[in-house]
Amino acid sequence: MTVCIAARSLLHNCVAGACDMMISRGNLVPATDMAAIKFLALVGGWGMLYAGDPTYAESIGDRSKRALISVMDGVKRQPNRARVKEVEQVVTNAFQEELRFQVTNQFLSKYDMTLEKFRKSGKRQFGDDFEKINKPILEFSLGTSFIVCGVDDYDIPHILTLQSTVLIGTAQIPSGVTSRLTIT
């Protein structure tokens, strides 16, 4: 089990985060402490804590960071911090991109198909085999959850969560940040 904690300081208008550093690889490899830093720095005063598969988390963090750099490029704000809506959009898009990439790579690449193409024409193309191919796609999850936290350009601290427990079959591609936690 991973422990990730983020708390907003009402006194100092900041967010403090902490997490363990343990990694386990199922039942095959015993858990290893001091193995991973589960914090991914973004830009513009924001970062992500994660629980779950570090491969997916790091990819989503990298995608988010690149996109946020692009959003912040040329922005003239003082202080130079990202807005909460910008962060929500960037992290949600990065999560969706990684999910589509993994589904395509793990299940559909052997058919030379993307997830979008499979959803659009898969039944017609595969007929009775569609359900057999679709079942593991519907059950697939990245198995990674995030606490996204930071201080926006108005010096307001925010804590957001993004969870990958929603399966593709029940919500297509997750629609975004599942909840915003605010402490007043």
Protein backbone atom coordinates (compact mmCIF):
# COMPACT_ATOMS: atom_id res chain seq x y z
CA MET A 1 0.00 0.00 0.00
CA THR A 2 1.26 3.47 -0.89
CA VAL A 3 0.85 6.42 1.41
CA CYS A 4 0.52 9.84 -0.21
CA ILE A 5 -0.61 12.82 1.82
CA ALA A 6 -1.13 16.42 0.75
CA ALA A 7 -2.31 19.20 3.05
CA ARG A 8 -3.02 22.85 2.49
CA SER A 9 -1.52 25.35 4.90
CA LEU A 10 -4.00 28.07 5.72
CA LEU A 11 -1.27 30.05 7.46
CA HIS A 12 1.28 30.04 4.65
CA ASN A 13 -0.89 29.52 1.52
CA CYS A 14 1.06 26.49 0.38
CA VAL A 15 0.63 22.75 -0.03
CA ALA A 16 2.82 20.23 1.78
CA GLY A 17 3.08 16.69 0.47
CA ALA A 18 4.59 13.47 1.75
CA CYS A 19 4.73 9.91 0.48
CA ASP A 20 6.45 6.64 1.17
CA MET A 21 9.20 5.32 -1.11
CA MET A 22 8.24 1.64 -1.24
CA ILE A 23 7.81 -0.30 -4.49
CA SER A 24 6.46 -3.82 -4.85
CA ARG A 25 6.08 -5.92 -7.98
CA GLY A 26 3.20 -8.21 -7.11
CA ASN A 27 3.93 -11.49 -5.40
CA LEU A 28 7.10 -12.19 -7.38
CA VAL A 29 9.36 -9.55 -5.86
CA PRO A 30 9.21 -8.50 -2.20
CA ALA A 31 8.48 -4.86 -1.48
CA THR A 32 11.56 -2.65 -1.55
CA ASP A 33 11.81 0.46 0.61
CA MET A 34 13.69 3.59 -0.50
CA ALA A 35 13.09 2.49 -4.12
CA ALA A 36 11.11 5.36 -5.62
CA ILE A 37 10.34 9.00 -5.08
CA LYS A 38 6.62 9.15 -5.71
CA PHE A 39 6.59 12.88 -6.38
CA LEU A 40 6.68 14.22 -9.92
CA ALA A 41 7.47 17.90 -10.29
CA LEU A 42 5.47 19.72 -12.91
CA VAL A 43 5.93 23.45 -13.56
CA GLY A 44 4.17 26.62 -12.60
CA GLY A 45 4.03 25.79 -8.89
CA TRP A 46 2.49 22.30 -9.26
CA GLY A 47 3.44 18.68 -8.65
CA MET A 48 1.96 15.18 -8.49
CA LEU A 49 2.13 12.42 -5.88
CA TYR A 50 1.25 8.97 -7.16
CA ALA A 51 0.25 5.51 -6.04
CA GLY A 52 0.35 2.56 -8.39
CA ASP A 53 2.46 1.57 -11.35
CA PRO A 54 5.47 3.91 -11.55
CA THR A 55 5.88 3.31 -15.30
CA TYR A 56 2.46 4.77 -16.07
CA ALA A 57 2.79 7.47 -13.42
CA GLU A 58 6.10 8.72 -14.78
CA SER A 59 4.79 8.74 -18.34
CA ILE A 60 1.68 10.69 -17.29
CA GLY A 61 3.87 13.06 -15.28
CA ASP A 62 6.18 13.62 -18.27
CA ARG A 63 3.22 14.22 -20.60
CA SER A 64 1.68 16.62 -18.08
CA LYS A 65 4.93 18.52 -17.61
CA ARG A 66 5.54 18.95 -21.35
CA ALA A 67 1.96 20.13 -21.91
CA LEU A 68 2.07 22.52 -18.95
CA ILE A 69 5.37 23.98 -20.20
CA SER A 70 3.63 24.58 -23.52
CA VAL A 71 0.65 26.24 -21.80
CA MET A 72 2.92 28.42 -19.66
CA ASP A 73 5.22 29.37 -22.55
CA GLY A 74 4.75 33.03 -23.23
CA VAL A 75 2.35 33.59 -20.33
CA LYS A 76 3.14 36.79 -18.48
CA ARG A 77 1.79 36.28 -14.97
CA GLN A 78 3.26 37.31 -11.68
CA PRO A 79 3.94 34.97 -10.06
CA ASN A 80 4.50 32.62 -13.01
CA ARG A 81 2.13 29.89 -11.83
CA ALA A 82 -0.37 27.70 -13.65
CA ARG A 83 -4.08 28.13 -13.03
CA VAL A 84 -6.05 25.23 -11.57
CA LYS A 85 -8.16 24.78 -14.73
CA GLU A 86 -4.97 24.59 -16.84
CA VAL A 87 -3.56 21.89 -14.56
CA GLU A 88 -6.83 19.93 -14.53
CA GLN A 89 -6.95 19.96 -18.33
CA VAL A 90 -3.29 19.05 -18.82
CA VAL A 91 -3.25 16.18 -16.31
CA THR A 92 -6.58 14.80 -17.55
CA ASN A 93 -5.37 14.87 -21.15
CA ALA A 94 -2.07 13.22 -20.20
CA PHE A 95 -3.95 10.47 -18.35
CA GLN A 96 -6.27 9.87 -21.31
CA GLU A 97 -3.35 9.84 -23.78
CA GLU A 98 -1.48 7.26 -21.68
CA LEU A 99 -4.58 5.10 -21.35
CA ARG A 100 -5.20 5.16 -25.12
CA PHE A 101 -1.51 4.46 -25.78
CA GLN A 102 -1.41 1.47 -23.43
CA VAL A 103 -4.65 -0.04 -24.75
CA THR A 104 -3.45 0.37 -28.33
CA ASN A 105 0.01 -0.98 -27.52
CA GLN A 106 -1.07 -3.92 -25.38
CA PHE A 107 -4.24 -5.07 -27.15
CA LEU A 108 -4.69 -3.52 -30.58
CA SER A 109 -1.27 -3.02 -32.16
CA LYS A 110 -1.22 -6.56 -33.52
CA TYR A 111 -4.31 -5.60 -35.53
CA ASP A 112 -2.76 -2.26 -36.58
CA MET A 113 -5.62 -0.37 -34.88
CA THR A 114 -6.02 2.54 -32.50
CA LEU A 115 -8.62 2.50 -29.74
CA GLU A 116 -10.69 5.06 -31.65
CA LYS A 117 -10.65 2.96 -34.83
CA PHE A 118 -11.49 -0.19 -32.84
CA ARG A 119 -14.49 1.51 -31.20
CA LYS A 120 -15.69 2.84 -34.56
CA SER A 121 -15.27 -0.19 -36.82
CA GLY A 122 -14.16 -3.10 -34.62
CA LYS A 123 -17.53 -4.88 -34.52
CA ARG A 124 -17.84 -4.72 -38.26
CA GLN A 125 -14.23 -5.78 -38.85
CA PHE A 126 -13.98 -8.58 -36.25
CA GLY A 127 -17.56 -9.86 -36.12
CA ASP A 128 -17.91 -12.56 -33.45
CA ASP A 129 -14.32 -12.08 -32.28
CA PHE A 130 -15.03 -8.48 -31.28
CA GLU A 131 -16.24 -9.40 -27.78
CA LYS A 132 -13.20 -11.60 -27.16
CA ILE A 133 -10.84 -8.78 -28.16
CA ASN A 134 -12.87 -6.14 -26.35
CA LYS A 135 -13.13 -7.95 -22.97
CA PRO A 136 -9.54 -7.31 -21.79
CA ILE A 137 -9.78 -3.73 -23.07
CA LEU A 138 -12.89 -3.14 -20.96
CA GLU A 139 -11.14 -4.60 -17.91
CA PHE A 140 -7.89 -2.68 -18.36
CA SER A 141 -6.91 0.02 -15.90
CA LEU A 142 -3.67 1.93 -15.54
CA GLY A 143 -3.80 1.14 -11.82
CA THR A 144 -2.34 4.52 -10.91
CA SER A 145 -3.87 7.31 -8.85
CA PHE A 146 -2.64 10.85 -8.33
CA ILE A 147 -2.80 13.70 -5.92
CA VAL A 148 -2.09 16.84 -7.94
CA CYS A 149 -1.28 19.83 -5.80
CA GLY A 150 0.07 23.32 -6.13
CA VAL A 151 -0.47 27.02 -5.71
CA ASP A 152 -2.12 28.99 -8.49
CA ASP A 153 -1.38 32.49 -9.75
CA TYR A 154 -3.67 33.98 -7.09
CA ASP A 155 -1.65 32.30 -4.29
CA ILE A 156 -4.49 29.86 -3.61
CA PRO A 157 -3.37 26.29 -2.81
CA HIS A 158 -5.28 23.44 -4.47
CA ILE A 159 -5.38 19.67 -4.03
CA LEU A 160 -6.91 17.55 -6.81
CA THR A 161 -7.25 13.80 -7.18
CA LEU A 162 -7.24 11.67 -10.30
CA GLN A 163 -7.97 7.97 -9.95
CA SER A 164 -7.64 5.28 -12.58
CA THR A 165 -10.12 2.91 -10.99
CA VAL A 166 -12.67 3.79 -13.68
CA LEU A 167 -12.52 1.12 -16.36
CA ILE A 168 -12.71 1.95 -20.04
CA GLY A 169 -15.85 -0.15 -20.37
CA THR A 170 -17.81 1.79 -17.78
CA ALA A 171 -16.79 5.31 -18.72
CA GLN A 172 -15.09 5.03 -22.10
CA ILE A 173 -12.05 7.18 -21.35
CA PRO A 174 -12.15 8.78 -17.88
CA SER A 175 -13.53 12.28 -18.17
CA GLY A 176 -11.07 13.93 -15.84
CA VAL A 177 -10.31 14.96 -12.34
CA THR A 178 -12.71 13.01 -10.18
CA SER A 179 -12.88 15.41 -7.27
CA ARG A 180 -11.51 18.65 -6.04
CA LEU A 181 -10.69 18.80 -2.36
CA THR A 182 -10.87 22.22 -0.80
CA ILE A 183 -10.27 22.99 2.83
CA THR A 184 -11.76 26.16 4.20
